[in-house]
Amino acid sequence: MLPPPEIFKCLSDETRLRATLLIAREGELCVCELMCALNDSQPKISRHLAQLRSCGLLLDRRQGQWVYYRLNPELPDWAHAVLQVTLQANVHWLEASTARLAAMSERPINNAACC
């Protein structure tokens, strides 16, 4: 179980927080979707995702050539609640990122429901 200081330390970077909130909003996202949404390079996004995964906030799964990230379902209930409240209270802050994601052409097809 992650203690509060670890969770907040992991989320203290703007890129990691935006990525986490987008993943919380969408359920699962791959690196290319986050690159588009955050308008950032693959190495930077991958580095931040690795940090989020190593601190236990995210889990990943491979599907073909794509690696999808999702919130760790074993996070404490309070952490999920904090993320949901933060997401709901900051829709405007994420607006540009969600618009870029919505406009992304050739998004990978997430077949989580069938795997």
C-alpha atoms as a PDB file:
ATOM      1  CA  MET A   1       0.000   0.000   0.000  1.00  0.00           C
ATOM      2  CA  LEU A   2       1.305   3.398  -0.969  1.00  0.00           C
ATOM      3  CA  PRO A   3       1.481   6.006   1.782  1.00  0.00           C
ATOM      4  CA  PRO A   4       0.126   9.487   0.992  1.00  0.00           C
ATOM      5  CA  PRO A   5       3.553  11.177   0.674  1.00  0.00           C
ATOM      6  CA  GLU A   6       4.578   8.685  -2.034  1.00  0.00           C
ATOM      7  CA  ILE A   7       1.391   9.172  -4.043  1.00  0.00           C
ATOM      8  CA  PHE A   8       1.571  12.950  -3.874  1.00  0.00           C
ATOM      9  CA  LYS A   9       5.294  12.909  -4.672  1.00  0.00           C
ATOM     10  CA  CYS A  10       4.562  10.824  -7.793  1.00  0.00           C
ATOM     11  CA  LEU A  11       1.876  13.310  -8.860  1.00  0.00           C
ATOM     12  CA  SER A  12       3.920  16.437  -8.093  1.00  0.00           C
ATOM     13  CA  ASP A  13       5.119  16.782 -11.701  1.00  0.00           C
ATOM     14  CA  GLU A  14       2.680  18.414 -14.138  1.00  0.00           C
ATOM     15  CA  THR A  15       3.252  15.841 -16.902  1.00  0.00           C
ATOM     16  CA  ARG A  16       2.723  12.924 -14.527  1.00  0.00           C
ATOM     17  CA  LEU A  17      -0.401  14.527 -13.064  1.00  0.00           C
ATOM     18  CA  ARG A  18      -1.892  15.290 -16.493  1.00  0.00           C
ATOM     19  CA  ALA A  19      -1.126  11.769 -17.725  1.00  0.00           C
ATOM     20  CA  THR A  20      -2.638  10.206 -14.612  1.00  0.00           C
ATOM     21  CA  LEU A  21      -5.800  12.303 -14.830  1.00  0.00           C
ATOM     22  CA  LEU A  22      -6.207  11.528 -18.535  1.00  0.00           C
ATOM     23  CA  ILE A  23      -5.794   7.829 -17.799  1.00  0.00           C
ATOM     24  CA  ALA A  24      -8.323   8.105 -14.956  1.00  0.00           C
ATOM     25  CA  ARG A  25     -10.720   9.819 -17.378  1.00  0.00           C
ATOM     26  CA  GLU A  26     -10.254   7.369 -20.262  1.00  0.00           C
ATOM     27  CA  GLY A  27      -9.686   4.144 -18.324  1.00  0.00           C
ATOM     28  CA  GLU A  28      -6.642   3.173 -20.361  1.00  0.00           C
ATOM     29  CA  LEU A  29      -4.302   5.002 -22.733  1.00  0.00           C
ATOM     30  CA  CYS A  30      -1.225   4.017 -24.702  1.00  0.00           C
ATOM     31  CA  VAL A  31       1.992   6.000 -25.016  1.00  0.00           C
ATOM     32  CA  CYS A  32       1.105   7.351 -28.467  1.00  0.00           C
ATOM     33  CA  GLU A  33      -2.244   8.663 -27.198  1.00  0.00           C
ATOM     34  CA  LEU A  34      -0.518  10.395 -24.297  1.00  0.00           C
ATOM     35  CA  MET A  35       2.111  11.840 -26.645  1.00  0.00           C
ATOM     36  CA  CYS A  36      -0.681  13.371 -28.707  1.00  0.00           C
ATOM     37  CA  ALA A  37      -2.766  14.555 -25.742  1.00  0.00           C
ATOM     38  CA  LEU A  38       0.180  16.061 -23.877  1.00  0.00           C
ATOM     39  CA  ASN A  39       1.944  17.288 -27.023  1.00  0.00           C
ATOM     40  CA  ASP A  40       5.233  15.823 -25.854  1.00  0.00           C
ATOM     41  CA  SER A  41       7.937  13.433 -27.040  1.00  0.00           C
ATOM     42  CA  GLN A  42       7.884   9.656 -26.638  1.00  0.00           C
ATOM     43  CA  PRO A  43      11.010   9.550 -24.433  1.00  0.00           C
ATOM     44  CA  LYS A  44       9.594  12.134 -22.018  1.00  0.00           C
ATOM     45  CA  ILE A  45       6.166  10.478 -21.800  1.00  0.00           C
ATOM     46  CA  SER A  46       7.692   7.009 -21.393  1.00  0.00           C
ATOM     47  CA  ARG A  47      10.024   8.227 -18.642  1.00  0.00           C
ATOM     48  CA  HIS A  48       7.110   9.716 -16.687  1.00  0.00           C
ATOM     49  CA  LEU A  49       4.974   6.597 -17.192  1.00  0.00           C
ATOM     50  CA  ALA A  50       7.840   4.454 -15.917  1.00  0.00           C
ATOM     51  CA  GLN A  51       8.004   6.599 -12.788  1.00  0.00           C
ATOM     52  CA  LEU A  52       4.241   6.310 -12.256  1.00  0.00           C
ATOM     53  CA  ARG A  53       4.443   2.556 -12.748  1.00  0.00           C
ATOM     54  CA  SER A  54       7.425   2.140 -10.410  1.00  0.00           C
ATOM     55  CA  CYS A  55       5.686   4.047  -7.616  1.00  0.00           C
ATOM     56  CA  GLY A  56       2.619   1.829  -8.024  1.00  0.00           C
ATOM     57  CA  LEU A  57       0.096   4.325  -9.386  1.00  0.00           C
ATOM     58  CA  LEU A  58      -0.162   2.722 -12.834  1.00  0.00           C
ATOM     59  CA  LEU A  59      -0.143  -0.761 -14.305  1.00  0.00           C
ATOM     60  CA  ASP A  60       0.624  -1.569 -17.904  1.00  0.00           C
ATOM     61  CA  ARG A  61      -0.253  -4.287 -20.388  1.00  0.00           C
ATOM     62  CA  ARG A  62       1.003  -5.059 -23.852  1.00  0.00           C
ATOM     63  CA  GLN A  63      -1.401  -5.527 -26.733  1.00  0.00           C
ATOM     64  CA  GLY A  64       0.476  -6.164 -29.964  1.00  0.00           C
ATOM     65  CA  GLN A  65       2.774  -3.206 -30.554  1.00  0.00           C
ATOM     66  CA  TRP A  66       0.987  -1.007 -28.004  1.00  0.00           C
ATOM     67  CA  VAL A  67       1.526  -0.703 -24.268  1.00  0.00           C
ATOM     68  CA  TYR A  68      -1.563   0.494 -22.401  1.00  0.00           C
ATOM     69  CA  TYR A  69      -1.513   2.151 -18.987  1.00  0.00           C
ATOM     70  CA  ARG A  70      -4.305   2.160 -16.410  1.00  0.00           C
ATOM     71  CA  LEU A  71      -4.689   3.128 -12.771  1.00  0.00           C
ATOM     72  CA  ASN A  72      -3.647   0.433 -10.360  1.00  0.00           C
ATOM     73  CA  PRO A  73      -6.946  -0.976  -9.051  1.00  0.00           C
ATOM     74  CA  GLU A  74      -5.226  -1.757  -5.742  1.00  0.00           C
ATOM     75  CA  LEU A  75      -4.679   1.920  -4.945  1.00  0.00           C
ATOM     76  CA  PRO A  76      -6.356   2.898  -1.699  1.00  0.00           C
ATOM     77  CA  ASP A  77      -9.943   4.101  -2.062  1.00  0.00           C
ATOM     78  CA  TRP A  78      -8.955   7.577  -0.893  1.00  0.00           C
ATOM     79  CA  ALA A  79      -6.384   7.833  -3.742  1.00  0.00           C
ATOM     80  CA  HIS A  80      -9.012   6.929  -6.353  1.00  0.00           C
ATOM     81  CA  ALA A  81     -11.362   9.471  -4.775  1.00  0.00           C
ATOM     82  CA  VAL A  82      -8.694  12.206  -4.820  1.00  0.00           C
ATOM     83  CA  LEU A  83      -7.994  11.530  -8.487  1.00  0.00           C
ATOM     84  CA  GLN A  84     -11.694  11.612  -9.392  1.00  0.00           C
ATOM     85  CA  VAL A  85     -12.309  14.853  -7.474  1.00  0.00           C
ATOM     86  CA  THR A  86      -9.200  16.418  -9.039  1.00  0.00           C
ATOM     87  CA  LEU A  87     -10.324  15.308 -12.494  1.00  0.00           C
ATOM     88  CA  GLN A  88     -13.856  16.644 -12.064  1.00  0.00           C
ATOM     89  CA  ALA A  89     -12.685  19.945 -10.589  1.00  0.00           C
ATOM     90  CA  ASN A  90     -10.084  20.586 -13.298  1.00  0.00           C
ATOM     91  CA  VAL A  91     -11.815  19.838 -16.588  1.00  0.00           C
ATOM     92  CA  HIS A  92     -10.750  23.236 -17.909  1.00  0.00           C
ATOM     93  CA  TRP A  93      -7.090  22.579 -17.006  1.00  0.00           C
ATOM     94  CA  LEU A  94      -7.196  19.380 -19.096  1.00  0.00           C
ATOM     95  CA  GLU A  95      -9.304  20.835 -21.918  1.00  0.00           C
ATOM     96  CA  ALA A  96      -6.491  21.244 -24.474  1.00  0.00           C
ATOM     97  CA  SER A  97      -5.170  17.745 -23.755  1.00  0.00           C
ATOM     98  CA  THR A  98      -8.581  16.108 -24.056  1.00  0.00           C
ATOM     99  CA  ALA A  99      -9.282  18.032 -27.284  1.00  0.00           C
ATOM    100  CA  ARG A 100      -5.993  16.840 -28.826  1.00  0.00           C
ATOM    101  CA  LEU A 101      -6.797  13.283 -27.762  1.00  0.00           C
ATOM    102  CA  ALA A 102     -10.305  13.486 -29.239  1.00  0.00           C
ATOM    103  CA  ALA A 103      -8.897  14.833 -32.513  1.00  0.00           C
ATOM    104  CA  MET A 104      -6.150  12.204 -32.770  1.00  0.00           C
ATOM    105  CA  SER A 105      -6.337  10.347 -36.044  1.00  0.00           C
ATOM    106  CA  GLU A 106      -5.552   6.648 -36.224  1.00  0.00           C
ATOM    107  CA  ARG A 107      -5.869   6.017 -32.490  1.00  0.00           C
ATOM    108  CA  PRO A 108      -4.998   2.432 -31.652  1.00  0.00           C
ATOM    109  CA  ILE A 109      -7.982   0.235 -31.032  1.00  0.00           C
ATOM    110  CA  ASN A 110      -8.077  -0.823 -27.410  1.00  0.00           C
ATOM    111  CA  ASN A 111      -9.402  -4.379 -27.245  1.00  0.00           C
ATOM    112  CA  ALA A 112      -9.261  -4.686 -23.477  1.00  0.00           C
ATOM    113  CA  ALA A 113     -12.864  -5.830 -23.408  1.00  0.00           C
ATOM    114  CA  CYS A 114     -12.131  -8.829 -25.598  1.00  0.00           C
ATOM    115  CA  CYS A 115      -8.764  -9.916 -24.184  1.00  0.00           C
END
